[in-house]
Amino acid sequence: MRKLITASCIAFLTAAAVPATAAQTPNQDKAAKANVEKKICKQLPSTGSRLPNKACLTAKEWKQVEEEASR
């Protein structure tokens, strides 16, 4: 009984240790990294605090924020 439990635990841990992205080729990895948009960090204006407030968004998200602020 103990061997059965140990064997099933080892099989589960071995299967869980291999990430799904490991099966991808290097070309697929480069394409996936290219699709991720780069974050742009900006310091936000703040009053009454010495600590700076910073926000990191993509260029598309910054454009949405600017459009909402201009309304």
PDB file of N, CA and C in Angstrom:
ATOM      1  N   MET A   1       0.826  -1.185   0.000  1.00  0.00           N
ATOM      2  CA  MET A   1       0.000   0.000   0.000  1.00  0.00           C
ATOM      3  C   MET A   1       0.875   1.254   0.000  1.00  0.00           C
ATOM      4  N   ARG A   2       1.929   1.238   0.808  1.00  0.00           N
ATOM      5  CA  ARG A   2       2.819   2.393   0.893  1.00  0.00           C
ATOM      6  C   ARG A   2       3.516   2.638  -0.447  1.00  0.00           C
ATOM      7  N   LYS A   3       3.899   1.554  -1.149  1.00  0.00           N
ATOM      8  CA  LYS A   3       4.544   1.687  -2.446  1.00  0.00           C
ATOM      9  C   LYS A   3       3.592   2.319  -3.462  1.00  0.00           C
ATOM     10  N   LEU A   4       2.331   1.967  -3.394  1.00  0.00           N
ATOM     11  CA  LEU A   4       1.337   2.508  -4.312  1.00  0.00           C
ATOM     12  C   LEU A   4       1.168   4.004  -4.095  1.00  0.00           C
ATOM     13  N   ILE A   5       1.089   4.438  -2.857  1.00  0.00           N
ATOM     14  CA  ILE A   5       0.941   5.856  -2.544  1.00  0.00           C
ATOM     15  C   ILE A   5       2.192   6.626  -2.956  1.00  0.00           C
ATOM     16  N   THR A   6       3.352   6.070  -2.658  1.00  0.00           N
ATOM     17  CA  THR A   6       4.606   6.719  -3.025  1.00  0.00           C
ATOM     18  C   THR A   6       4.738   6.842  -4.537  1.00  0.00           C
ATOM     19  N   ALA A   7       4.406   5.805  -5.242  1.00  0.00           N
ATOM     20  CA  ALA A   7       4.507   5.825  -6.707  1.00  0.00           C
ATOM     21  C   ALA A   7       3.553   6.841  -7.307  1.00  0.00           C
ATOM     22  N   SER A   8       2.354   6.936  -6.777  1.00  0.00           N
ATOM     23  CA  SER A   8       1.391   7.896  -7.321  1.00  0.00           C
ATOM     24  C   SER A   8       1.811   9.325  -6.999  1.00  0.00           C
ATOM     25  N   CYS A   9       2.400   9.546  -5.835  1.00  0.00           N
ATOM     26  CA  CYS A   9       2.897  10.885  -5.483  1.00  0.00           C
ATOM     27  C   CYS A   9       4.048  11.292  -6.390  1.00  0.00           C
ATOM     28  N   ILE A  10       4.952  10.376  -6.656  1.00  0.00           N
ATOM     29  CA  ILE A  10       6.085  10.673  -7.522  1.00  0.00           C
ATOM     30  C   ILE A  10       5.600  10.976  -8.939  1.00  0.00           C
ATOM     31  N   ALA A  11       4.633  10.212  -9.421  1.00  0.00           N
ATOM     32  CA  ALA A  11       4.102  10.443 -10.764  1.00  0.00           C
ATOM     33  C   ALA A  11       3.427  11.819 -10.847  1.00  0.00           C
ATOM     34  N   PHE A  12       2.692  12.182  -9.814  1.00  0.00           N
ATOM     35  CA  PHE A  12       2.016  13.475  -9.799  1.00  0.00           C
ATOM     36  C   PHE A  12       3.020  14.622  -9.764  1.00  0.00           C
ATOM     37  N   LEU A  13       4.031  14.518  -8.903  1.00  0.00           N
ATOM     38  CA  LEU A  13       5.020  15.582  -8.785  1.00  0.00           C
ATOM     39  C   LEU A  13       5.864  15.710 -10.046  1.00  0.00           C
ATOM     40  N   THR A  14       6.170  14.615 -10.687  1.00  0.00           N
ATOM     41  CA  THR A  14       6.947  14.653 -11.918  1.00  0.00           C
ATOM     42  C   THR A  14       6.157  15.325 -13.027  1.00  0.00           C
ATOM     43  N   ALA A  15       4.880  15.016 -13.136  1.00  0.00           N
ATOM     44  CA  ALA A  15       4.039  15.613 -14.170  1.00  0.00           C
ATOM     45  C   ALA A  15       3.818  17.094 -13.890  1.00  0.00           C
ATOM     46  N   ALA A  16       3.697  17.478 -12.640  1.00  0.00           N
ATOM     47  CA  ALA A  16       3.464  18.871 -12.287  1.00  0.00           C
ATOM     48  C   ALA A  16       4.722  19.712 -12.421  1.00  0.00           C
ATOM     49  N   ALA A  17       5.890  19.106 -12.363  1.00  0.00           N
ATOM     50  CA  ALA A  17       7.146  19.853 -12.415  1.00  0.00           C
ATOM     51  C   ALA A  17       7.477  20.345 -13.822  1.00  0.00           C
ATOM     52  N   VAL A  18       6.910  19.722 -14.859  1.00  0.00           N
ATOM     53  CA  VAL A  18       7.196  20.123 -16.230  1.00  0.00           C
ATOM     54  C   VAL A  18       6.194  21.196 -16.633  1.00  0.00           C
ATOM     55  N   PRO A  19       6.642  22.441 -16.839  1.00  0.00           N
ATOM     56  CA  PRO A  19       5.712  23.491 -17.231  1.00  0.00           C
ATOM     57  C   PRO A  19       5.233  23.290 -18.664  1.00  0.00           C
ATOM     58  N   ALA A  20       4.086  23.838 -18.970  1.00  0.00           N
ATOM     59  CA  ALA A  20       3.501  23.682 -20.297  1.00  0.00           C
ATOM     60  C   ALA A  20       4.318  24.428 -21.342  1.00  0.00           C
ATOM     61  N   THR A  21       5.009  25.474 -20.961  1.00  0.00           N
ATOM     62  CA  THR A  21       5.775  26.260 -21.925  1.00  0.00           C
ATOM     63  C   THR A  21       7.086  25.582 -22.308  1.00  0.00           C
ATOM     64  N   ALA A  22       7.477  24.545 -21.589  1.00  0.00           N
ATOM     65  CA  ALA A  22       8.730  23.865 -21.895  1.00  0.00           C
ATOM     66  C   ALA A  22       8.660  23.151 -23.241  1.00  0.00           C
ATOM     67  N   ALA A  23       7.468  22.835 -23.704  1.00  0.00           N
ATOM     68  CA  ALA A  23       7.303  22.138 -24.967  1.00  0.00           C
ATOM     69  C   ALA A  23       7.434  23.075 -26.157  1.00  0.00           C
ATOM     70  N   GLN A  24       7.464  24.378 -25.946  1.00  0.00           N
ATOM     71  CA  GLN A  24       7.567  25.334 -27.032  1.00  0.00           C
ATOM     72  C   GLN A  24       8.986  25.371 -27.588  1.00  0.00           C
ATOM     73  N   THR A  25       9.074  25.713 -28.856  1.00  0.00           N
ATOM     74  CA  THR A  25      10.386  25.865 -29.477  1.00  0.00           C
ATOM     75  C   THR A  25      10.903  27.272 -29.210  1.00  0.00           C
ATOM     76  N   PRO A  26      12.200  27.506 -29.420  1.00  0.00           N
ATOM     77  CA  PRO A  26      12.750  28.856 -29.197  1.00  0.00           C
ATOM     78  C   PRO A  26      12.084  29.920 -30.059  1.00  0.00           C
ATOM     79  N   ASN A  27      11.674  29.573 -31.279  1.00  0.00           N
ATOM     80  CA  ASN A  27      10.988  30.540 -32.135  1.00  0.00           C
ATOM     81  C   ASN A  27       9.647  30.957 -31.551  1.00  0.00           C
ATOM     82  N   GLN A  28       8.945  30.021 -30.930  1.00  0.00           N
ATOM     83  CA  GLN A  28       7.668  30.332 -30.307  1.00  0.00           C
ATOM     84  C   GLN A  28       7.887  31.218 -29.086  1.00  0.00           C
ATOM     85  N   ASP A  29       8.977  31.006 -28.363  1.00  0.00           N
ATOM     86  CA  ASP A  29       9.284  31.834 -27.200  1.00  0.00           C
ATOM     87  C   ASP A  29       9.532  33.274 -27.617  1.00  0.00           C
ATOM     88  N   LYS A  30      10.286  33.476 -28.698  1.00  0.00           N
ATOM     89  CA  LYS A  30      10.561  34.824 -29.186  1.00  0.00           C
ATOM     90  C   LYS A  30       9.275  35.512 -29.625  1.00  0.00           C
ATOM     91  N   ALA A  31       8.388  34.777 -30.290  1.00  0.00           N
ATOM     92  CA  ALA A  31       7.125  35.356 -30.745  1.00  0.00           C
ATOM     93  C   ALA A  31       6.242  35.730 -29.564  1.00  0.00           C
ATOM     94  N   ALA A  32       6.253  34.905 -28.520  1.00  0.00           N
ATOM     95  CA  ALA A  32       5.441  35.200 -27.339  1.00  0.00           C
ATOM     96  C   ALA A  32       5.964  36.438 -26.622  1.00  0.00           C
ATOM     97  N   LYS A  33       7.291  36.605 -26.547  1.00  0.00           N
ATOM     98  CA  LYS A  33       7.868  37.774 -25.906  1.00  0.00           C
ATOM     99  C   LYS A  33       7.586  39.037 -26.706  1.00  0.00           C
ATOM    100  N   ALA A  34       7.532  38.915 -28.023  1.00  0.00           N
ATOM    101  CA  ALA A  34       7.265  40.074 -28.876  1.00  0.00           C
ATOM    102  C   ALA A  34       5.824  40.542 -28.717  1.00  0.00           C
ATOM    103  N   ASN A  35       4.917  39.631 -28.412  1.00  0.00           N
ATOM    104  CA  ASN A  35       3.504  39.987 -28.258  1.00  0.00           C
ATOM    105  C   ASN A  35       3.222  40.699 -26.944  1.00  0.00           C
ATOM    106  N   VAL A  36       4.091  40.543 -25.962  1.00  0.00           N
ATOM    107  CA  VAL A  36       3.899  41.190 -24.673  1.00  0.00           C
ATOM    108  C   VAL A  36       4.254  42.666 -24.822  1.00  0.00           C
ATOM    109  N   GLU A  37       3.300  43.528 -24.443  1.00  0.00           N
ATOM    110  CA  GLU A  37       3.554  44.957 -24.571  1.00  0.00           C
ATOM    111  C   GLU A  37       4.442  45.442 -23.444  1.00  0.00           C
ATOM    112  N   LYS A  38       5.300  46.381 -23.770  1.00  0.00           N
ATOM    113  CA  LYS A  38       6.243  46.916 -22.806  1.00  0.00           C
ATOM    114  C   LYS A  38       5.539  47.909 -21.887  1.00  0.00           C
ATOM    115  N   LYS A  39       5.836  47.834 -20.597  1.00  0.00           N
ATOM    116  CA  LYS A  39       5.248  48.738 -19.613  1.00  0.00           C
ATOM    117  C   LYS A  39       6.028  50.046 -19.574  1.00  0.00           C
ATOM    118  N   ILE A  40       5.293  51.136 -19.415  1.00  0.00           N
ATOM    119  CA  ILE A  40       5.883  52.459 -19.285  1.00  0.00           C
ATOM    120  C   ILE A  40       5.524  52.972 -17.896  1.00  0.00           C
ATOM    121  N   CYS A  41       6.531  53.304 -17.102  1.00  0.00           N
ATOM    122  CA  CYS A  41       6.304  53.783 -15.743  1.00  0.00           C
ATOM    123  C   CYS A  41       6.413  55.302 -15.716  1.00  0.00           C
ATOM    124  N   LYS A  42       5.455  55.930 -15.054  1.00  0.00           N
ATOM    125  CA  LYS A  42       5.447  57.383 -14.912  1.00  0.00           C
ATOM    126  C   LYS A  42       5.170  57.734 -13.464  1.00  0.00           C
ATOM    127  N   GLN A  43       5.713  58.876 -13.058  1.00  0.00           N
ATOM    128  CA  GLN A  43       5.462  59.369 -11.704  1.00  0.00           C
ATOM    129  C   GLN A  43       4.187  60.201 -11.730  1.00  0.00           C
ATOM    130  N   LEU A  44       3.266  59.886 -10.836  1.00  0.00           N
ATOM    131  CA  LEU A  44       1.990  60.584 -10.762  1.00  0.00           C
ATOM    132  C   LEU A  44       2.092  61.779  -9.831  1.00  0.00           C
ATOM    133  N   PRO A  45       1.362  62.834 -10.135  1.00  0.00           N
ATOM    134  CA  PRO A  45       1.387  63.989  -9.230  1.00  0.00           C
ATOM    135  C   PRO A  45       0.703  63.645  -7.903  1.00  0.00           C
ATOM    136  N   SER A  46       1.304  64.107  -6.817  1.00  0.00           N
ATOM    137  CA  SER A  46       0.710  63.848  -5.511  1.00  0.00           C
ATOM    138  C   SER A  46       0.903  65.073  -4.633  1.00  0.00           C
ATOM    139  N   THR A  47      -0.022  65.277  -3.722  1.00  0.00           N
ATOM    140  CA  THR A  47       0.087  66.383  -2.786  1.00  0.00           C
ATOM    141  C   THR A  47       0.027  65.823  -1.376  1.00  0.00           C
ATOM    142  N   GLY A  48       0.807  66.409  -0.502  1.00  0.00           N
ATOM    143  CA  GLY A  48       0.761  66.007   0.897  1.00  0.00           C
ATOM    144  C   GLY A  48       1.562  64.769   1.231  1.00  0.00           C
ATOM    145  N   SER A  49       2.388  64.304   0.321  1.00  0.00           N
ATOM    146  CA  SER A  49       3.182  63.115   0.599  1.00  0.00           C
ATOM    147  C   SER A  49       4.584  63.301   0.036  1.00  0.00           C
ATOM    148  N   ARG A  50       5.558  62.828   0.764  1.00  0.00           N
ATOM    149  CA  ARG A  50       6.930  62.896   0.278  1.00  0.00           C
ATOM    150  C   ARG A  50       7.274  61.707  -0.605  1.00  0.00           C
ATOM    151  N   LEU A  51       6.501  60.656  -0.503  1.00  0.00           N
ATOM    152  CA  LEU A  51       6.764  59.464  -1.286  1.00  0.00           C
ATOM    153  C   LEU A  51       6.145  59.618  -2.676  1.00  0.00           C
ATOM    154  N   PRO A  52       6.887  59.308  -3.716  1.00  0.00           N
ATOM    155  CA  PRO A  52       6.344  59.431  -5.071  1.00  0.00           C
ATOM    156  C   PRO A  52       5.348  58.314  -5.373  1.00  0.00           C
ATOM    157  N   ASN A  53       4.336  58.662  -6.135  1.00  0.00           N
ATOM    158  CA  ASN A  53       3.374  57.672  -6.607  1.00  0.00           C
ATOM    159  C   ASN A  53       3.743  57.349  -8.044  1.00  0.00           C
ATOM    160  N   LYS A  54       3.875  56.069  -8.326  1.00  0.00           N
ATOM    161  CA  LYS A  54       4.307  55.628  -9.632  1.00  0.00           C
ATOM    162  C   LYS A  54       3.282  54.651 -10.190  1.00  0.00           C
ATOM    163  N   ALA A  55       3.023  54.748 -11.503  1.00  0.00           N
ATOM    164  CA  ALA A  55       2.127  53.815 -12.170  1.00  0.00           C
ATOM    165  C   ALA A  55       2.816  53.280 -13.408  1.00  0.00           C
ATOM    166  N   CYS A  56       2.683  51.993 -13.640  1.00  0.00           N
ATOM    167  CA  CYS A  56       3.277  51.352 -14.810  1.00  0.00           C
ATOM    168  C   CYS A  56       2.156  50.739 -15.643  1.00  0.00           C
ATOM    169  N   LEU A  57       1.990  51.264 -16.856  1.00  0.00           N
ATOM    170  CA  LEU A  57       0.948  50.802 -17.770  1.00  0.00           C
ATOM    171  C   LEU A  57       1.539  50.650 -19.165  1.00  0.00           C
ATOM    172  N   THR A  58       0.808  49.974 -20.037  1.00  0.00           N
ATOM    173  CA  THR A  58       1.238  49.866 -21.419  1.00  0.00           C
ATOM    174  C   THR A  58       0.901  51.165 -22.143  1.00  0.00           C
ATOM    175  N   ALA A  59       1.434  51.356 -23.336  1.00  0.00           N
ATOM    176  CA  ALA A  59       1.175  52.569 -24.105  1.00  0.00           C
ATOM    177  C   ALA A  59      -0.319  52.715 -24.401  1.00  0.00           C
ATOM    178  N   LYS A  60      -0.964  51.620 -24.676  1.00  0.00           N
ATOM    179  CA  LYS A  60      -2.414  51.635 -24.954  1.00  0.00           C
ATOM    180  C   LYS A  60      -3.195  52.081 -23.717  1.00  0.00           C
ATOM    181  N   GLU A  61      -2.813  51.578 -22.549  1.00  0.00           N
ATOM    182  CA  GLU A  61      -3.496  51.948 -21.305  1.00  0.00           C
ATOM    183  C   GLU A  61      -3.251  53.415 -20.963  1.00  0.00           C
ATOM    184  N   TRP A  62      -2.013  53.932 -21.204  1.00  0.00           N
ATOM    185  CA  TRP A  62      -1.723  55.339 -20.943  1.00  0.00           C
ATOM    186  C   TRP A  62      -2.579  56.223 -21.841  1.00  0.00           C
ATOM    187  N   LYS A  63      -2.791  55.803 -23.080  1.00  0.00           N
ATOM    188  CA  LYS A  63      -3.623  56.576 -24.004  1.00  0.00           C
ATOM    189  C   LYS A  63      -5.059  56.651 -23.484  1.00  0.00           C
ATOM    190  N   GLN A  64      -5.578  55.535 -22.956  1.00  0.00           N
ATOM    191  CA  GLN A  64      -6.923  55.517 -22.385  1.00  0.00           C
ATOM    192  C   GLN A  64      -7.016  56.444 -21.178  1.00  0.00           C
ATOM    193  N   VAL A  65      -5.994  56.445 -20.339  1.00  0.00           N
ATOM    194  CA  VAL A  65      -5.993  57.297 -19.149  1.00  0.00           C
ATOM    195  C   VAL A  65      -6.003  58.772 -19.566  1.00  0.00           C
ATOM    196  N   GLU A  66      -5.207  59.122 -20.567  1.00  0.00           N
ATOM    197  CA  GLU A  66      -5.142  60.500 -21.041  1.00  0.00           C
ATOM    198  C   GLU A  66      -6.467  60.945 -21.657  1.00  0.00           C
ATOM    199  N   GLU A  67      -7.137  60.022 -22.377  1.00  0.00           N
ATOM    200  CA  GLU A  67      -8.436  60.344 -22.970  1.00  0.00           C
ATOM    201  C   GLU A  67      -9.487  60.588 -21.882  1.00  0.00           C
ATOM    202  N   GLU A  68      -9.470  59.767 -20.834  1.00  0.00           N
ATOM    203  CA  GLU A  68     -10.428  59.923 -19.734  1.00  0.00           C
ATOM    204  C   GLU A  68     -10.160  61.213 -18.955  1.00  0.00           C
ATOM    205  N   ALA A  69      -8.908  61.590 -18.835  1.00  0.00           N
ATOM    206  CA  ALA A  69      -8.554  62.798 -18.090  1.00  0.00           C
ATOM    207  C   ALA A  69      -8.960  64.050 -18.858  1.00  0.00           C
ATOM    208  N   SER A  70      -8.959  63.978 -20.177  1.00  0.00           N
ATOM    209  CA  SER A  70      -9.302  65.151 -20.980  1.00  0.00           C
ATOM    210  C   SER A  70     -10.814  65.372 -21.070  1.00  0.00           C
ATOM    211  N   ARG A  71     -11.608  64.425 -20.663  1.00  0.00           N
ATOM    212  CA  ARG A  71     -13.081  64.568 -20.715  1.00  0.00           C
ATOM    213  C   ARG A  71     -13.580  65.489 -19.652  1.00  0.00           C
TER     214      ARG A  71
END
